[in-house]
C-alpha cells in the first residue's frame, strides 16, 4: 500500500501549483491536503475529525512555514516531540528565506528546507523532484510500508 503525501498549505495559488507539480511527476501516492497547522496536527495525531482515520503515517510531510492557527514550526516541533511521528520525513516548503526561520527549522529536526521558486517552471520542477525523492527514492525508516518501483512490497 502506498503511503500518502501530506501537504499542508494555506495559499490557494501555491496549493494549486504544488498539486499540479505532483501530478506531473506521475506519483501514484494520494495527496492529502490540509489548510492549517491545527488541522495537520489533528490528522497526524488522529484526533477530532481524523480520530477514525486509518493507521499509518504519510510518506512525507510537505509543510508550509506560515500557516494559520498553528505555524509550520510549531507543527514540526510537535511532530518531532511525538514518538509515533518523529520519523516522518518533513520538508519545510516556504517562501521565507529568513535565516532565523531556516535555523529554527533545522534545530527542530526538519529533513529539508525548500524555498518555493517564483518562476512557474522552476516551481513545478522543484516540487516534482521533492515528490519523487521522498515518495519513491528515499528509503523509509524500518517498519514503514512502501511499494518499490515494481509495485511489490
N, C-alpha and C. Protein backbone atom coordinates (compact mmCIF):
# COMPACT_ATOMS: atom_id res chain seq x y z
N UNK A 1 0.83 -1.18 0.00
CA UNK A 1 0.00 0.00 0.00
C UNK A 1 0.88 1.25 0.00
N UNK A 2 0.65 2.15 -0.93
CA UNK A 2 1.40 3.39 -0.99
C UNK A 2 0.98 4.33 0.13
N UNK A 3 1.95 4.93 0.75
CA UNK A 3 1.66 5.90 1.79
C UNK A 3 1.35 7.25 1.14
N UNK A 4 0.44 8.01 1.71
CA UNK A 4 0.10 9.31 1.12
C UNK A 4 1.17 10.35 1.36
N UNK A 5 1.10 11.40 0.57
CA UNK A 5 1.88 12.61 0.77
C UNK A 5 0.96 13.58 1.49
N UNK A 6 1.40 14.12 2.61
CA UNK A 6 0.60 15.08 3.35
C UNK A 6 1.11 16.48 3.03
N UNK A 7 0.25 17.29 2.43
CA UNK A 7 0.58 18.65 2.03
C UNK A 7 -0.21 19.62 2.89
N UNK A 8 0.50 20.47 3.62
CA UNK A 8 -0.15 21.46 4.47
C UNK A 8 0.19 22.83 3.90
N UNK A 9 -0.80 23.45 3.26
CA UNK A 9 -0.59 24.71 2.53
C UNK A 9 -1.88 25.52 2.57
N UNK A 10 -1.77 26.80 2.94
CA UNK A 10 -2.96 27.65 3.02
C UNK A 10 -3.11 28.60 1.83
N UNK A 11 -2.04 28.80 1.06
CA UNK A 11 -2.11 29.72 -0.07
C UNK A 11 -2.71 29.00 -1.28
N UNK A 12 -3.88 29.45 -1.77
CA UNK A 12 -4.55 28.74 -2.88
C UNK A 12 -3.69 28.61 -4.13
N UNK A 13 -2.93 29.66 -4.47
CA UNK A 13 -2.08 29.60 -5.67
C UNK A 13 -0.96 28.58 -5.49
N UNK A 14 -0.28 28.62 -4.35
CA UNK A 14 0.80 27.66 -4.10
C UNK A 14 0.26 26.24 -4.02
N UNK A 15 -0.93 26.08 -3.45
CA UNK A 15 -1.55 24.77 -3.37
C UNK A 15 -1.82 24.22 -4.77
N UNK A 16 -2.41 25.04 -5.63
CA UNK A 16 -2.71 24.62 -6.99
C UNK A 16 -1.44 24.23 -7.75
N UNK A 17 -0.40 25.06 -7.63
CA UNK A 17 0.87 24.77 -8.31
C UNK A 17 1.53 23.50 -7.77
N UNK A 18 1.47 23.31 -6.46
CA UNK A 18 2.07 22.12 -5.86
C UNK A 18 1.35 20.86 -6.32
N UNK A 19 0.03 20.90 -6.32
CA UNK A 19 -0.74 19.73 -6.78
C UNK A 19 -0.47 19.44 -8.25
N UNK A 20 -0.37 20.48 -9.06
CA UNK A 20 -0.07 20.31 -10.48
C UNK A 20 1.32 19.66 -10.65
N UNK A 21 2.28 20.14 -9.90
CA UNK A 21 3.63 19.60 -10.00
C UNK A 21 3.68 18.13 -9.56
N UNK A 22 2.99 17.80 -8.49
CA UNK A 22 2.96 16.41 -8.04
C UNK A 22 2.26 15.52 -9.07
N UNK A 23 1.22 16.04 -9.67
CA UNK A 23 0.51 15.29 -10.72
C UNK A 23 1.43 15.03 -11.91
N UNK A 24 2.17 16.04 -12.31
CA UNK A 24 3.09 15.91 -13.46
C UNK A 24 4.22 14.93 -13.18
N UNK A 25 4.56 14.73 -11.92
CA UNK A 25 5.62 13.78 -11.60
C UNK A 25 5.11 12.34 -11.65
N UNK A 26 3.82 12.17 -11.87
CA UNK A 26 3.17 10.87 -12.04
C UNK A 26 3.35 9.95 -10.85
N UNK A 27 3.34 10.52 -9.66
CA UNK A 27 3.38 9.70 -8.46
C UNK A 27 2.01 9.06 -8.25
N UNK A 28 2.00 7.84 -7.79
CA UNK A 28 0.73 7.15 -7.53
C UNK A 28 0.22 7.45 -6.12
N UNK A 29 1.03 8.09 -5.31
CA UNK A 29 0.63 8.38 -3.93
C UNK A 29 -0.55 9.34 -3.89
N UNK A 30 -1.49 9.07 -3.00
CA UNK A 30 -2.57 10.01 -2.75
C UNK A 30 -1.96 11.25 -2.08
N UNK A 31 -2.47 12.43 -2.41
CA UNK A 31 -2.03 13.65 -1.76
C UNK A 31 -3.17 14.13 -0.87
N UNK A 32 -2.90 14.21 0.41
CA UNK A 32 -3.87 14.70 1.38
C UNK A 32 -3.54 16.15 1.64
N UNK A 33 -4.52 17.03 1.41
CA UNK A 33 -4.31 18.47 1.55
C UNK A 33 -5.00 18.96 2.82
N UNK A 34 -4.23 19.67 3.63
CA UNK A 34 -4.75 20.32 4.83
C UNK A 34 -4.38 21.79 4.74
N UNK A 35 -5.22 22.66 5.33
CA UNK A 35 -5.07 24.10 5.13
C UNK A 35 -4.47 24.88 6.30
N UNK A 36 -4.30 24.25 7.46
CA UNK A 36 -3.69 24.98 8.59
C UNK A 36 -2.98 23.99 9.51
N UNK A 37 -2.17 24.55 10.39
CA UNK A 37 -1.36 23.73 11.28
C UNK A 37 -2.17 22.93 12.28
N UNK A 38 -3.27 23.49 12.76
CA UNK A 38 -4.11 22.77 13.72
C UNK A 38 -4.71 21.53 13.07
N UNK A 39 -5.17 21.67 11.83
CA UNK A 39 -5.74 20.53 11.11
C UNK A 39 -4.66 19.47 10.85
N UNK A 40 -3.44 19.92 10.54
CA UNK A 40 -2.34 18.98 10.32
C UNK A 40 -2.06 18.16 11.58
N UNK A 41 -2.03 18.82 12.72
CA UNK A 41 -1.79 18.10 13.98
C UNK A 41 -2.93 17.15 14.29
N UNK A 42 -4.16 17.58 14.03
CA UNK A 42 -5.31 16.68 14.24
C UNK A 42 -5.17 15.44 13.37
N UNK A 43 -4.80 15.62 12.11
CA UNK A 43 -4.63 14.48 11.20
C UNK A 43 -3.52 13.55 11.72
N UNK A 44 -2.36 14.12 11.98
CA UNK A 44 -1.21 13.31 12.37
C UNK A 44 -1.43 12.59 13.70
N UNK A 45 -2.08 13.26 14.62
CA UNK A 45 -2.31 12.69 15.95
C UNK A 45 -3.61 11.90 16.03
N UNK A 46 -4.33 11.79 14.91
CA UNK A 46 -5.58 11.03 14.81
C UNK A 46 -6.58 11.46 15.89
N UNK A 47 -6.91 12.74 15.86
CA UNK A 47 -7.86 13.27 16.83
C UNK A 47 -8.90 14.14 16.12
N UNK A 48 -9.95 14.49 16.84
CA UNK A 48 -11.05 15.31 16.33
C UNK A 48 -11.60 14.72 15.03
N UNK A 49 -11.63 15.48 13.95
CA UNK A 49 -12.22 15.00 12.69
C UNK A 49 -11.47 13.81 12.11
N UNK A 50 -10.24 13.57 12.54
CA UNK A 50 -9.41 12.50 11.99
C UNK A 50 -9.21 11.34 12.97
N UNK A 51 -10.00 11.29 14.01
CA UNK A 51 -9.86 10.24 15.03
C UNK A 51 -10.04 8.84 14.44
N UNK A 52 -10.82 8.72 13.41
CA UNK A 52 -11.11 7.41 12.82
C UNK A 52 -10.29 7.09 11.58
N UNK A 53 -9.34 7.94 11.22
CA UNK A 53 -8.55 7.67 10.02
C UNK A 53 -7.71 6.41 10.21
N UNK A 54 -7.33 5.80 9.11
CA UNK A 54 -6.54 4.58 9.15
C UNK A 54 -5.19 4.82 9.81
N UNK A 55 -4.64 3.77 10.41
CA UNK A 55 -3.31 3.84 10.99
C UNK A 55 -2.27 4.17 9.92
N UNK A 56 -1.15 4.67 10.36
CA UNK A 56 -0.03 4.90 9.45
C UNK A 56 0.27 6.36 9.26
N UNK A 57 1.52 6.62 8.96
CA UNK A 57 1.99 7.98 8.73
C UNK A 57 2.21 8.21 7.24
N UNK A 58 2.21 9.47 6.82
CA UNK A 58 2.46 9.76 5.41
C UNK A 58 3.89 9.43 5.00
N UNK A 59 4.10 9.28 3.69
CA UNK A 59 5.44 9.05 3.14
C UNK A 59 6.31 10.27 3.40
N UNK A 60 5.70 11.45 3.32
CA UNK A 60 6.41 12.70 3.54
C UNK A 60 5.39 13.76 3.95
N UNK A 61 5.82 14.69 4.77
CA UNK A 61 5.02 15.84 5.18
C UNK A 61 5.62 17.07 4.51
N UNK A 62 4.87 17.67 3.58
CA UNK A 62 5.27 18.93 2.95
C UNK A 62 4.56 20.04 3.70
N UNK A 63 5.31 20.85 4.40
CA UNK A 63 4.76 21.76 5.39
C UNK A 63 5.13 23.20 5.09
N UNK A 64 4.13 24.04 4.91
CA UNK A 64 4.37 25.47 4.74
C UNK A 64 4.80 26.04 6.09
N UNK A 65 5.59 27.08 6.07
CA UNK A 65 6.07 27.70 7.30
C UNK A 65 5.01 28.60 7.93
N UNK A 66 4.43 29.46 7.12
CA UNK A 66 3.46 30.44 7.61
C UNK A 66 2.05 29.89 7.42
N UNK A 67 1.50 29.31 8.46
CA UNK A 67 0.17 28.70 8.41
C UNK A 67 -0.75 29.37 9.43
N UNK A 68 -2.05 29.38 9.15
CA UNK A 68 -2.99 29.88 10.16
C UNK A 68 -3.12 28.89 11.33
N UNK A 69 -3.59 29.41 12.43
CA UNK A 69 -3.86 28.68 13.68
C UNK A 69 -2.59 28.21 14.36
N UNK A 70 -1.83 27.31 13.73
CA UNK A 70 -0.57 26.82 14.28
C UNK A 70 0.45 26.88 13.14
N UNK A 71 1.55 27.61 13.34
CA UNK A 71 2.50 27.76 12.22
C UNK A 71 3.30 26.47 12.00
N UNK A 72 3.97 26.42 10.86
CA UNK A 72 4.70 25.23 10.46
C UNK A 72 5.78 24.80 11.44
N UNK A 73 6.45 25.76 12.05
CA UNK A 73 7.49 25.41 13.02
C UNK A 73 6.91 24.73 14.25
N UNK A 74 5.73 25.17 14.68
CA UNK A 74 5.07 24.53 15.83
C UNK A 74 4.61 23.12 15.47
N UNK A 75 4.12 22.95 14.25
CA UNK A 75 3.74 21.61 13.79
C UNK A 75 4.96 20.71 13.80
N UNK A 76 6.06 21.20 13.24
CA UNK A 76 7.30 20.44 13.21
C UNK A 76 7.77 20.07 14.62
N UNK A 77 7.69 21.02 15.51
CA UNK A 77 8.10 20.79 16.91
C UNK A 77 7.28 19.65 17.52
N UNK A 78 5.98 19.67 17.29
CA UNK A 78 5.09 18.62 17.83
C UNK A 78 5.38 17.27 17.18
N UNK A 79 5.61 17.28 15.88
CA UNK A 79 5.92 16.03 15.16
C UNK A 79 7.19 15.40 15.74
N UNK A 80 8.22 16.20 15.91
CA UNK A 80 9.49 15.66 16.42
C UNK A 80 9.42 15.27 17.90
N UNK A 81 8.46 15.82 18.64
CA UNK A 81 8.31 15.50 20.06
C UNK A 81 7.42 14.28 20.30
N UNK A 82 6.80 13.77 19.25
CA UNK A 82 5.86 12.65 19.38
C UNK A 82 6.50 11.39 18.80
N UNK A 83 6.70 10.39 19.64
CA UNK A 83 7.43 9.18 19.24
C UNK A 83 6.88 8.55 17.97
N UNK A 84 5.57 8.47 17.82
CA UNK A 84 4.96 7.81 16.66
C UNK A 84 5.12 8.62 15.38
N UNK A 85 5.47 9.90 15.50
CA UNK A 85 5.54 10.77 14.33
C UNK A 85 6.96 11.19 13.96
N UNK A 86 7.87 11.10 14.89
CA UNK A 86 9.18 11.75 14.70
C UNK A 86 9.96 11.24 13.50
N UNK A 87 9.67 10.05 12.99
CA UNK A 87 10.43 9.55 11.84
C UNK A 87 9.81 9.96 10.49
N UNK A 88 8.72 10.72 10.50
CA UNK A 88 8.11 11.17 9.25
C UNK A 88 9.07 12.16 8.57
N UNK A 89 9.48 11.87 7.33
CA UNK A 89 10.29 12.85 6.61
C UNK A 89 9.49 14.15 6.44
N UNK A 90 10.07 15.25 6.86
CA UNK A 90 9.36 16.52 6.84
C UNK A 90 10.16 17.55 6.06
N UNK A 91 9.48 18.14 5.07
CA UNK A 91 10.08 19.15 4.23
C UNK A 91 9.36 20.47 4.46
N UNK A 92 10.08 21.49 4.89
CA UNK A 92 9.53 22.82 5.03
C UNK A 92 9.53 23.43 3.63
N UNK A 93 8.35 23.74 3.14
CA UNK A 93 8.18 24.27 1.79
C UNK A 93 7.63 25.67 1.96
N UNK A 94 8.47 26.68 1.72
CA UNK A 94 8.12 28.03 2.14
C UNK A 94 8.66 29.09 1.19
N UNK A 95 8.15 30.28 1.31
CA UNK A 95 8.70 31.40 0.55
C UNK A 95 9.70 32.19 1.39
N UNK A 96 9.86 31.81 2.66
CA UNK A 96 10.75 32.54 3.56
C UNK A 96 12.22 32.15 3.37
N UNK A 97 13.03 33.18 3.11
CA UNK A 97 14.47 33.00 3.06
C UNK A 97 15.12 33.56 4.34
N UNK A 98 14.30 33.85 5.33
CA UNK A 98 14.80 34.44 6.57
C UNK A 98 15.68 33.44 7.31
N UNK A 99 16.89 33.85 7.64
CA UNK A 99 17.82 32.96 8.32
C UNK A 99 17.28 32.41 9.64
N UNK A 100 16.59 33.22 10.47
CA UNK A 100 16.04 32.65 11.72
C UNK A 100 15.04 31.52 11.47
N UNK A 101 14.23 31.62 10.40
CA UNK A 101 13.29 30.55 10.08
C UNK A 101 14.04 29.29 9.69
N UNK A 102 15.05 29.45 8.85
CA UNK A 102 15.86 28.33 8.40
C UNK A 102 16.57 27.64 9.58
N UNK A 103 17.20 28.44 10.42
CA UNK A 103 17.89 27.89 11.58
C UNK A 103 16.94 27.16 12.52
N UNK A 104 15.81 27.78 12.79
CA UNK A 104 14.84 27.17 13.71
C UNK A 104 14.31 25.86 13.14
N UNK A 105 14.02 25.82 11.85
CA UNK A 105 13.52 24.59 11.24
C UNK A 105 14.53 23.46 11.40
N UNK A 106 15.80 23.74 11.14
CA UNK A 106 16.81 22.69 11.30
C UNK A 106 17.04 22.32 12.76
N UNK A 107 16.95 23.29 13.66
CA UNK A 107 17.06 22.99 15.09
C UNK A 107 15.96 22.04 15.53
N UNK A 108 14.78 22.18 14.94
CA UNK A 108 13.63 21.34 15.30
C UNK A 108 13.64 20.00 14.57
N UNK A 109 14.57 19.79 13.64
CA UNK A 109 14.71 18.49 13.01
C UNK A 109 14.09 18.32 11.64
N UNK A 110 13.91 19.42 10.91
CA UNK A 110 13.38 19.30 9.55
C UNK A 110 14.38 18.51 8.69
N UNK A 111 13.87 17.73 7.75
CA UNK A 111 14.74 16.96 6.85
C UNK A 111 15.24 17.79 5.68
N UNK A 112 14.43 18.75 5.25
CA UNK A 112 14.82 19.62 4.14
C UNK A 112 14.05 20.93 4.25
N UNK A 113 14.67 21.99 3.78
CA UNK A 113 14.06 23.33 3.79
C UNK A 113 14.15 23.84 2.36
N UNK A 114 13.01 23.96 1.71
CA UNK A 114 12.97 24.34 0.31
C UNK A 114 12.22 25.66 0.15
N UNK A 115 12.91 26.64 -0.44
CA UNK A 115 12.28 27.92 -0.73
C UNK A 115 11.55 27.77 -2.06
N UNK A 116 10.27 28.12 -2.05
CA UNK A 116 9.45 27.99 -3.25
C UNK A 116 9.97 28.93 -4.34
N UNK A 117 10.33 28.36 -5.50
CA UNK A 117 10.76 29.23 -6.60
C UNK A 117 9.61 30.11 -7.07
N UNK A 118 9.92 31.29 -7.56
CA UNK A 118 8.92 32.23 -8.03
C UNK A 118 8.45 31.86 -9.44
N UNK A 119 9.38 31.44 -10.29
CA UNK A 119 9.05 31.11 -11.67
C UNK A 119 8.28 29.80 -11.73
N UNK A 120 7.22 29.75 -12.53
CA UNK A 120 6.35 28.59 -12.63
C UNK A 120 7.11 27.31 -12.95
N UNK A 121 7.94 27.31 -14.00
CA UNK A 121 8.65 26.10 -14.42
C UNK A 121 9.59 25.60 -13.33
N UNK A 122 10.26 26.52 -12.66
CA UNK A 122 11.16 26.14 -11.57
C UNK A 122 10.38 25.57 -10.39
N UNK A 123 9.22 26.17 -10.10
CA UNK A 123 8.38 25.70 -9.01
C UNK A 123 7.93 24.27 -9.28
N UNK A 124 7.42 24.02 -10.49
CA UNK A 124 6.93 22.69 -10.86
C UNK A 124 8.07 21.67 -10.79
N UNK A 125 9.24 22.03 -11.30
CA UNK A 125 10.38 21.12 -11.27
C UNK A 125 10.81 20.81 -9.83
N UNK A 126 10.84 21.82 -8.97
CA UNK A 126 11.26 21.61 -7.58
C UNK A 126 10.30 20.69 -6.84
N UNK A 127 9.00 20.92 -7.00
CA UNK A 127 8.01 20.10 -6.31
C UNK A 127 8.02 18.68 -6.86
N UNK A 128 8.14 18.54 -8.14
CA UNK A 128 8.20 17.22 -8.76
C UNK A 128 9.40 16.43 -8.21
N UNK A 129 10.56 17.08 -8.15
CA UNK A 129 11.75 16.43 -7.61
C UNK A 129 11.56 16.03 -6.16
N UNK A 130 10.94 16.90 -5.37
CA UNK A 130 10.67 16.58 -3.96
C UNK A 130 9.78 15.36 -3.84
N UNK A 131 8.70 15.36 -4.60
CA UNK A 131 7.76 14.24 -4.53
C UNK A 131 8.41 12.92 -4.90
N UNK A 132 9.16 12.91 -5.98
CA UNK A 132 9.82 11.69 -6.42
C UNK A 132 10.85 11.23 -5.38
N UNK A 133 11.63 12.15 -4.87
CA UNK A 133 12.65 11.77 -3.89
C UNK A 133 12.02 11.15 -2.64
N UNK A 134 11.09 11.86 -2.02
CA UNK A 134 10.57 11.41 -0.73
C UNK A 134 9.58 10.26 -0.84
N UNK A 135 8.82 10.20 -1.92
CA UNK A 135 7.81 9.15 -2.03
C UNK A 135 8.32 7.90 -2.75
N UNK A 136 9.40 8.03 -3.54
CA UNK A 136 9.87 6.89 -4.32
C UNK A 136 11.31 6.51 -3.98
N UNK A 137 12.22 7.46 -4.04
CA UNK A 137 13.64 7.15 -3.90
C UNK A 137 14.10 6.98 -2.46
N UNK A 138 13.59 7.79 -1.55
CA UNK A 138 14.02 7.73 -0.17
C UNK A 138 13.64 6.39 0.46
N UNK A 139 14.56 5.82 1.19
CA UNK A 139 14.29 4.58 1.92
C UNK A 139 13.67 4.95 3.25
N UNK A 140 12.41 4.54 3.50
CA UNK A 140 11.74 4.92 4.74
C UNK A 140 12.33 4.19 5.94
N UNK A 141 12.01 4.67 7.16
CA UNK A 141 12.53 4.02 8.36
C UNK A 141 12.02 2.58 8.45
N UNK A 142 12.75 1.70 9.15
CA UNK A 142 12.29 0.32 9.33
C UNK A 142 10.87 0.29 9.91
N UNK A 143 10.08 -0.64 9.40
CA UNK A 143 8.71 -0.76 9.86
C UNK A 143 7.71 0.01 9.02
N UNK A 144 8.18 0.88 8.14
CA UNK A 144 7.29 1.63 7.26
C UNK A 144 6.96 0.77 6.06
N UNK A 145 5.77 0.94 5.54
CA UNK A 145 5.37 0.23 4.33
C UNK A 145 5.50 1.15 3.15
N UNK A 146 6.02 0.61 2.06
CA UNK A 146 6.14 1.37 0.83
C UNK A 146 6.31 0.39 -0.30
N UNK A 147 5.65 0.63 -1.40
CA UNK A 147 5.84 -0.21 -2.58
C UNK A 147 7.15 0.19 -3.25
N UNK A 148 7.85 -0.82 -3.77
CA UNK A 148 9.03 -0.46 -4.55
C UNK A 148 8.58 -0.06 -5.95
N UNK A 149 9.51 0.31 -6.78
CA UNK A 149 9.14 0.83 -8.10
C UNK A 149 8.45 -0.20 -8.98
N UNK A 150 8.56 -1.48 -8.67
CA UNK A 150 7.89 -2.51 -9.45
C UNK A 150 6.51 -2.82 -8.90
N UNK A 151 6.12 -2.18 -7.78
CA UNK A 151 4.79 -2.39 -7.22
C UNK A 151 4.73 -3.50 -6.19
N UNK A 152 5.89 -4.03 -5.78
CA UNK A 152 5.93 -5.08 -4.76
C UNK A 152 6.39 -4.52 -3.43
N UNK A 153 5.98 -5.15 -2.34
CA UNK A 153 6.46 -4.72 -1.03
C UNK A 153 7.84 -5.23 -0.79
